[in-house]
Each structure stands twice: as structure tokens, then as C-alpha cells.
């Protein structure tokens, strides 16, 4: 049996879900971003209690097909960009379609209809968030970040970064360094 959970996008969320399931006496669940799989079934009472406890933590147990598909798409993208060492070599559309077993046009239409943005826009937003993280860690150059996230060039990355944040990557990095220096003055 599988259940799908909205807003479950971090390792901390996975841990929280595991704890809630343990409290309910549900053993050996497989917990992934946005999804929980049980070896057996859970009863209606357990499902209701799980739904209520997750809601208190800001997570939502999903019931309808479109919401489940959207959460799957979002979780594939988040996992791919934030938690994978390397992005897939194929087009994102092909990767997402293969992972979910649906035609990409169908997935794109459902996503756009419900989220009000395209899958591509969602990917770009998350890639820019990843760029911000990598800039803050200061371990990779902009060229290395560009290569790691499959940008065609540093200029392309910089243009997308500026379009999303209003800042250049260099200026963003300088702001981080200024904030850090100001904190050290205290």
C-alpha cells in the first residue's frame, strides 16, 4: 500500500513521517520524499490519525489523482536537483516521464493546470535555489556550478539567476560575505 504526502520535501520530513508511523504501530515502512509504502495495509483509524498528526506538522496526506501526480513530479525534481550527486544525462521531460510512466505532455498539462506554472519553470526555480546553496558553501566556482547543473554556459546560468533573483551570482555571493563579516563584528 502506498500513501502520498504533500510538502514532504526534506530528509527532516521523512524522519517526522517515520516517527508518526512508529507511534501508530506501523512497522517497516519505506519512506521516500512525498511517498510512504507499507508492506501491508493500514486501517481507516490509523489513516485518520496519520492524516491529523501530519497536518499538525504542515504535511498533507493526499487523496486525489492529480494532487498525487503533481507531488510525484515535484519530488522527482527536488530529489534530482537537491539530493543527487549528478543530474540525469537525458532531457528532464524524458527523465520525469520515464520515472512516472506517463506521457510528458499529460504530466505537463496537469502540472500547469494545478500549479499555474510549467514544469520547466519549477525546475529552473529549484536549480537557482541549488545555485544559491552552492554559492554559499563556496566550494565550487561558478563555472563548476554551471557544469554540475548542466547549464550550457556560465552566461546562461547568470542570466537565469538574475531573472529569478534580480541579482547576479557574483553580487549574491558578495552579499553573503558582507552579512558574514557584519555578524563577525558583534
C-alpha atoms as a PDB file:
ATOM      1  CA  UNK A   1       0.000   0.000   0.000  1.00  0.00           C
ATOM      2  CA  UNK A   2       1.275   3.483  -0.885  1.00  0.00           C
ATOM      3  CA  UNK A   3       0.299   6.855   0.527  1.00  0.00           C
ATOM      4  CA  UNK A   4       1.347  10.207  -0.906  1.00  0.00           C
ATOM      5  CA  UNK A   5       2.169  13.221   1.246  1.00  0.00           C
ATOM      6  CA  UNK A   6       2.254  16.856   0.142  1.00  0.00           C
ATOM      7  CA  UNK A   7       5.062  19.191   1.308  1.00  0.00           C
ATOM      8  CA  UNK A   8       7.292  16.244   2.253  1.00  0.00           C
ATOM      9  CA  UNK A   9      10.421  17.612   0.599  1.00  0.00           C
ATOM     10  CA  UNK A  10      13.310  17.124   3.017  1.00  0.00           C
ATOM     11  CA  UNK A  11      15.102  14.476   4.996  1.00  0.00           C
ATOM     12  CA  UNK A  12      13.686  16.035   8.158  1.00  0.00           C
ATOM     13  CA  UNK A  13      10.151  15.469   6.819  1.00  0.00           C
ATOM     14  CA  UNK A  14      10.983  11.825   6.139  1.00  0.00           C
ATOM     15  CA  UNK A  15      12.154  11.404   9.724  1.00  0.00           C
ATOM     16  CA  UNK A  16       8.978  13.034  11.056  1.00  0.00           C
ATOM     17  CA  UNK A  17       6.768  10.713   8.983  1.00  0.00           C
ATOM     18  CA  UNK A  18       8.711   7.671  10.202  1.00  0.00           C
ATOM     19  CA  UNK A  19       8.208   8.793  13.814  1.00  0.00           C
ATOM     20  CA  UNK A  20       4.469   9.291  13.316  1.00  0.00           C
ATOM     21  CA  UNK A  21       4.123   5.871  11.709  1.00  0.00           C
ATOM     22  CA  UNK A  22       6.063   4.290  14.576  1.00  0.00           C
ATOM     23  CA  UNK A  23       3.661   5.910  17.077  1.00  0.00           C
ATOM     24  CA  UNK A  24       0.782   4.309  15.156  1.00  0.00           C
ATOM     25  CA  UNK A  25       2.439   0.906  15.306  1.00  0.00           C
ATOM     26  CA  UNK A  26       3.112   0.725  11.571  1.00  0.00           C
ATOM     27  CA  UNK A  27       6.301  -1.276  11.112  1.00  0.00           C
ATOM     28  CA  UNK A  28       8.830  -1.364   8.285  1.00  0.00           C
ATOM     29  CA  UNK A  29       7.512   1.426   6.060  1.00  0.00           C
ATOM     30  CA  UNK A  30       9.569   2.573   3.092  1.00  0.00           C
ATOM     31  CA  UNK A  31       9.628   6.359   3.349  1.00  0.00           C
ATOM     32  CA  UNK A  32      10.667   8.402   0.310  1.00  0.00           C
ATOM     33  CA  UNK A  33      10.180  12.085  -0.453  1.00  0.00           C
ATOM     34  CA  UNK A  34       6.416  12.513  -0.845  1.00  0.00           C
ATOM     35  CA  UNK A  35       5.582   8.827  -0.503  1.00  0.00           C
ATOM     36  CA  UNK A  36       5.256   6.064   2.077  1.00  0.00           C
ATOM     37  CA  UNK A  37       4.949   2.395   1.167  1.00  0.00           C
ATOM     38  CA  UNK A  38       3.780  -0.213   3.669  1.00  0.00           C
ATOM     39  CA  UNK A  39       4.310  -3.972   3.484  1.00  0.00           C
ATOM     40  CA  UNK A  40       0.630  -4.421   4.376  1.00  0.00           C
ATOM     41  CA  UNK A  41      -2.352  -2.145   4.756  1.00  0.00           C
ATOM     42  CA  UNK A  42      -3.277   0.403   7.399  1.00  0.00           C
ATOM     43  CA  UNK A  43      -6.797   0.607   8.711  1.00  0.00           C
ATOM     44  CA  UNK A  44      -9.104   3.611   8.440  1.00  0.00           C
ATOM     45  CA  UNK A  45      -8.438   4.661  12.037  1.00  0.00           C
ATOM     46  CA  UNK A  46      -4.668   4.610  11.542  1.00  0.00           C
ATOM     47  CA  UNK A  47      -5.012   6.561   8.298  1.00  0.00           C
ATOM     48  CA  UNK A  48      -7.167   9.193  10.027  1.00  0.00           C
ATOM     49  CA  UNK A  49      -4.710   9.545  12.923  1.00  0.00           C
ATOM     50  CA  UNK A  50      -1.794   9.765  10.496  1.00  0.00           C
ATOM     51  CA  UNK A  51      -3.582  12.447   8.466  1.00  0.00           C
ATOM     52  CA  UNK A  52      -4.250  14.507  11.627  1.00  0.00           C
ATOM     53  CA  UNK A  53      -0.718  14.186  13.013  1.00  0.00           C
ATOM     54  CA  UNK A  54       0.855  15.068   9.663  1.00  0.00           C
ATOM     55  CA  UNK A  55      -1.419  18.092   9.327  1.00  0.00           C
ATOM     56  CA  UNK A  56      -0.118  19.449  12.660  1.00  0.00           C
ATOM     57  CA  UNK A  57       3.362  19.365  11.159  1.00  0.00           C
ATOM     58  CA  UNK A  58       2.306  21.070   7.916  1.00  0.00           C
ATOM     59  CA  UNK A  59       2.167  17.899   5.808  1.00  0.00           C
ATOM     60  CA  UNK A  60      -0.953  16.805   3.928  1.00  0.00           C
ATOM     61  CA  UNK A  61      -1.995  13.248   3.124  1.00  0.00           C
ATOM     62  CA  UNK A  62      -3.169  13.280  -0.497  1.00  0.00           C
ATOM     63  CA  UNK A  63      -6.268  11.580  -1.841  1.00  0.00           C
ATOM     64  CA  UNK A  64      -6.950  12.755  -5.406  1.00  0.00           C
ATOM     65  CA  UNK A  65      -5.054  11.540  -8.503  1.00  0.00           C
ATOM     66  CA  UNK A  66      -3.959  14.953  -9.837  1.00  0.00           C
ATOM     67  CA  UNK A  67      -2.503  16.023  -6.481  1.00  0.00           C
ATOM     68  CA  UNK A  68      -0.630  12.747  -6.228  1.00  0.00           C
ATOM     69  CA  UNK A  69       0.835  13.145  -9.737  1.00  0.00           C
ATOM     70  CA  UNK A  70       1.911  16.720  -9.005  1.00  0.00           C
ATOM     71  CA  UNK A  71       3.596  15.707  -5.757  1.00  0.00           C
ATOM     72  CA  UNK A  72       5.397  12.905  -7.567  1.00  0.00           C
ATOM     73  CA  UNK A  73       6.641  15.364 -10.209  1.00  0.00           C
ATOM     74  CA  UNK A  74       7.756  17.874  -7.577  1.00  0.00           C
ATOM     75  CA  UNK A  75       9.532  15.220  -5.533  1.00  0.00           C
ATOM     76  CA  UNK A  76      11.357  13.801  -8.560  1.00  0.00           C
ATOM     77  CA  UNK A  77      12.590  17.306  -9.413  1.00  0.00           C
ATOM     78  CA  UNK A  78      13.610  18.130  -5.829  1.00  0.00           C
ATOM     79  CA  UNK A  79      15.373  14.782  -5.418  1.00  0.00           C
ATOM     80  CA  UNK A  80      17.101  15.198  -8.785  1.00  0.00           C
ATOM     81  CA  UNK A  81      18.337  18.758  -8.202  1.00  0.00           C
ATOM     82  CA  UNK A  82      18.969  18.936  -4.463  1.00  0.00           C
ATOM     83  CA  UNK A  83      19.909  15.403  -3.423  1.00  0.00           C
ATOM     84  CA  UNK A  84      21.521  13.690  -6.439  1.00  0.00           C
ATOM     85  CA  UNK A  85      25.230  13.945  -6.980  1.00  0.00           C
ATOM     86  CA  UNK A  86      24.707  14.248 -10.717  1.00  0.00           C
ATOM     87  CA  UNK A  87      21.752  15.342 -12.821  1.00  0.00           C
ATOM     88  CA  UNK A  88      20.445  12.877 -15.424  1.00  0.00           C
ATOM     89  CA  UNK A  89      22.041  12.960 -18.871  1.00  0.00           C
ATOM     90  CA  UNK A  90      18.656  12.771 -20.671  1.00  0.00           C
ATOM     91  CA  UNK A  91      16.167  15.624 -21.037  1.00  0.00           C
ATOM     92  CA  UNK A  92      14.269  16.372 -17.857  1.00  0.00           C
ATOM     93  CA  UNK A  93      10.992  15.739 -19.670  1.00  0.00           C
ATOM     94  CA  UNK A  94      12.138  12.250 -20.671  1.00  0.00           C
ATOM     95  CA  UNK A  95      13.506  11.547 -17.189  1.00  0.00           C
ATOM     96  CA  UNK A  96      10.273  12.585 -15.426  1.00  0.00           C
ATOM     97  CA  UNK A  97       8.116  10.739 -17.952  1.00  0.00           C
ATOM     98  CA  UNK A  98      10.160   7.543 -17.561  1.00  0.00           C
ATOM     99  CA  UNK A  99      10.121   7.746 -13.759  1.00  0.00           C
ATOM    100  CA  UNK A 100       6.330   8.138 -13.603  1.00  0.00           C
ATOM    101  CA  UNK A 101       5.302   6.052 -16.585  1.00  0.00           C
ATOM    102  CA  UNK A 102       3.115   8.786 -18.078  1.00  0.00           C
ATOM    103  CA  UNK A 103       3.345  10.772 -21.303  1.00  0.00           C
ATOM    104  CA  UNK A 104       5.177  14.030 -20.587  1.00  0.00           C
ATOM    105  CA  UNK A 105       2.518  16.148 -22.318  1.00  0.00           C
ATOM    106  CA  UNK A 106      -0.107  14.793 -19.909  1.00  0.00           C
ATOM    107  CA  UNK A 107       2.155  15.447 -16.905  1.00  0.00           C
ATOM    108  CA  UNK A 108       2.971  18.958 -18.125  1.00  0.00           C
ATOM    109  CA  UNK A 109      -0.705  19.804 -18.663  1.00  0.00           C
ATOM    110  CA  UNK A 110      -1.773  18.539 -15.222  1.00  0.00           C
ATOM    111  CA  UNK A 111       1.121  20.343 -13.533  1.00  0.00           C
ATOM    112  CA  UNK A 112       0.431  23.652 -15.312  1.00  0.00           C
ATOM    113  CA  UNK A 113      -3.306  23.428 -14.698  1.00  0.00           C
ATOM    114  CA  UNK A 114      -2.935  22.932 -10.955  1.00  0.00           C
ATOM    115  CA  UNK A 115       0.296  24.800 -10.119  1.00  0.00           C
ATOM    116  CA  UNK A 116      -0.069  27.746 -12.511  1.00  0.00           C
ATOM    117  CA  UNK A 117       3.492  27.289 -13.782  1.00  0.00           C
ATOM    118  CA  UNK A 118       5.213  24.903 -16.134  1.00  0.00           C
ATOM    119  CA  UNK A 119       7.380  22.001 -15.030  1.00  0.00           C
ATOM    120  CA  UNK A 120      10.292  23.786 -16.694  1.00  0.00           C
ATOM    121  CA  UNK A 121       9.696  26.924 -14.581  1.00  0.00           C
ATOM    122  CA  UNK A 122       9.593  24.754 -11.452  1.00  0.00           C
ATOM    123  CA  UNK A 123      12.892  23.120 -12.458  1.00  0.00           C
ATOM    124  CA  UNK A 124      14.542  26.497 -13.104  1.00  0.00           C
ATOM    125  CA  UNK A 125      13.429  27.836  -9.708  1.00  0.00           C
ATOM    126  CA  UNK A 126      14.912  24.798  -7.971  1.00  0.00           C
ATOM    127  CA  UNK A 127      18.109  24.921  -9.990  1.00  0.00           C
ATOM    128  CA  UNK A 128      18.570  28.560  -8.941  1.00  0.00           C
ATOM    129  CA  UNK A 129      17.949  27.588  -5.296  1.00  0.00           C
ATOM    130  CA  UNK A 130      20.635  24.927  -5.700  1.00  0.00           C
ATOM    131  CA  UNK A 131      22.985  27.511  -7.243  1.00  0.00           C
ATOM    132  CA  UNK A 132      22.408  29.730  -4.172  1.00  0.00           C
ATOM    133  CA  UNK A 133      23.293  26.833  -1.859  1.00  0.00           C
ATOM    134  CA  UNK A 134      26.446  26.050  -3.803  1.00  0.00           C
ATOM    135  CA  UNK A 135      27.477  29.716  -3.867  1.00  0.00           C
ATOM    136  CA  UNK A 136      27.029  29.981  -0.110  1.00  0.00           C
ATOM    137  CA  UNK A 137      29.079  26.815   0.536  1.00  0.00           C
ATOM    138  CA  UNK A 138      31.833  28.475  -1.530  1.00  0.00           C
ATOM    139  CA  UNK A 139      33.320  25.123  -2.559  1.00  0.00           C
ATOM    140  CA  UNK A 140      32.745  25.389  -6.315  1.00  0.00           C
ATOM    141  CA  UNK A 141      33.425  28.116  -8.842  1.00  0.00           C
ATOM    142  CA  UNK A 142      30.595  29.487 -10.968  1.00  0.00           C
ATOM    143  CA  UNK A 143      31.990  27.507 -13.915  1.00  0.00           C
ATOM    144  CA  UNK A 144      31.916  24.285 -11.867  1.00  0.00           C
ATOM    145  CA  UNK A 145      28.376  25.024 -10.656  1.00  0.00           C
ATOM    146  CA  UNK A 146      27.308  25.691 -14.243  1.00  0.00           C
ATOM    147  CA  UNK A 147      28.755  22.351 -15.344  1.00  0.00           C
ATOM    148  CA  UNK A 148      27.316  20.444 -12.374  1.00  0.00           C
ATOM    149  CA  UNK A 149      23.777  21.718 -13.031  1.00  0.00           C
ATOM    150  CA  UNK A 150      24.017  21.174 -16.821  1.00  0.00           C
ATOM    151  CA  UNK A 151      23.885  24.804 -17.913  1.00  0.00           C
ATOM    152  CA  UNK A 152      25.136  25.399 -21.451  1.00  0.00           C
ATOM    153  CA  UNK A 153      27.393  28.203 -20.169  1.00  0.00           C
ATOM    154  CA  UNK A 154      28.155  30.413 -17.183  1.00  0.00           C
ATOM    155  CA  UNK A 155      26.394  33.240 -19.024  1.00  0.00           C
ATOM    156  CA  UNK A 156      23.206  31.159 -19.305  1.00  0.00           C
ATOM    157  CA  UNK A 157      23.325  30.352 -15.574  1.00  0.00           C
ATOM    158  CA  UNK A 158      23.984  34.010 -14.731  1.00  0.00           C
ATOM    159  CA  UNK A 159      21.082  35.200 -16.900  1.00  0.00           C
ATOM    160  CA  UNK A 160      18.635  32.747 -15.298  1.00  0.00           C
ATOM    161  CA  UNK A 161      19.947  33.599 -11.828  1.00  0.00           C
ATOM    162  CA  UNK A 162      19.440  37.322 -12.416  1.00  0.00           C
ATOM    163  CA  UNK A 163      15.985  36.779 -13.939  1.00  0.00           C
ATOM    164  CA  UNK A 164      14.846  34.797 -10.841  1.00  0.00           C
ATOM    165  CA  UNK A 165      16.635  36.668  -8.031  1.00  0.00           C
ATOM    166  CA  UNK A 166      17.227  40.121  -9.503  1.00  0.00           C
ATOM    167  CA  UNK A 167      20.926  39.746  -8.629  1.00  0.00           C
ATOM    168  CA  UNK A 168      23.983  38.438 -10.403  1.00  0.00           C
ATOM    169  CA  UNK A 169      25.591  35.335  -8.853  1.00  0.00           C
ATOM    170  CA  UNK A 170      28.711  37.368  -8.037  1.00  0.00           C
ATOM    171  CA  UNK A 171      26.710  40.077  -6.270  1.00  0.00           C
ATOM    172  CA  UNK A 172      24.711  37.418  -4.386  1.00  0.00           C
ATOM    173  CA  UNK A 173      27.960  35.857  -3.182  1.00  0.00           C
ATOM    174  CA  UNK A 174      29.287  39.282  -2.131  1.00  0.00           C
ATOM    175  CA  UNK A 175      26.098  39.929  -0.121  1.00  0.00           C
ATOM    176  CA  UNK A 176      26.627  36.653   1.710  1.00  0.00           C
ATOM    177  CA  UNK A 177      30.206  37.618   2.511  1.00  0.00           C
ATOM    178  CA  UNK A 178      29.116  41.089   3.750  1.00  0.00           C
ATOM    179  CA  UNK A 179      26.475  39.549   6.036  1.00  0.00           C
ATOM    180  CA  UNK A 180      29.033  37.110   7.386  1.00  0.00           C
ATOM    181  CA  UNK A 181      31.522  39.936   8.042  1.00  0.00           C
ATOM    182  CA  UNK A 182      28.844  42.053   9.787  1.00  0.00           C
ATOM    183  CA  UNK A 183      27.975  39.147  12.075  1.00  0.00           C
ATOM    184  CA  UNK A 184      31.625  38.689  12.987  1.00  0.00           C
ATOM    185  CA  UNK A 185      31.747  42.340  14.156  1.00  0.00           C
ATOM    186  CA  UNK A 186      29.370  41.592  17.042  1.00  0.00           C
END
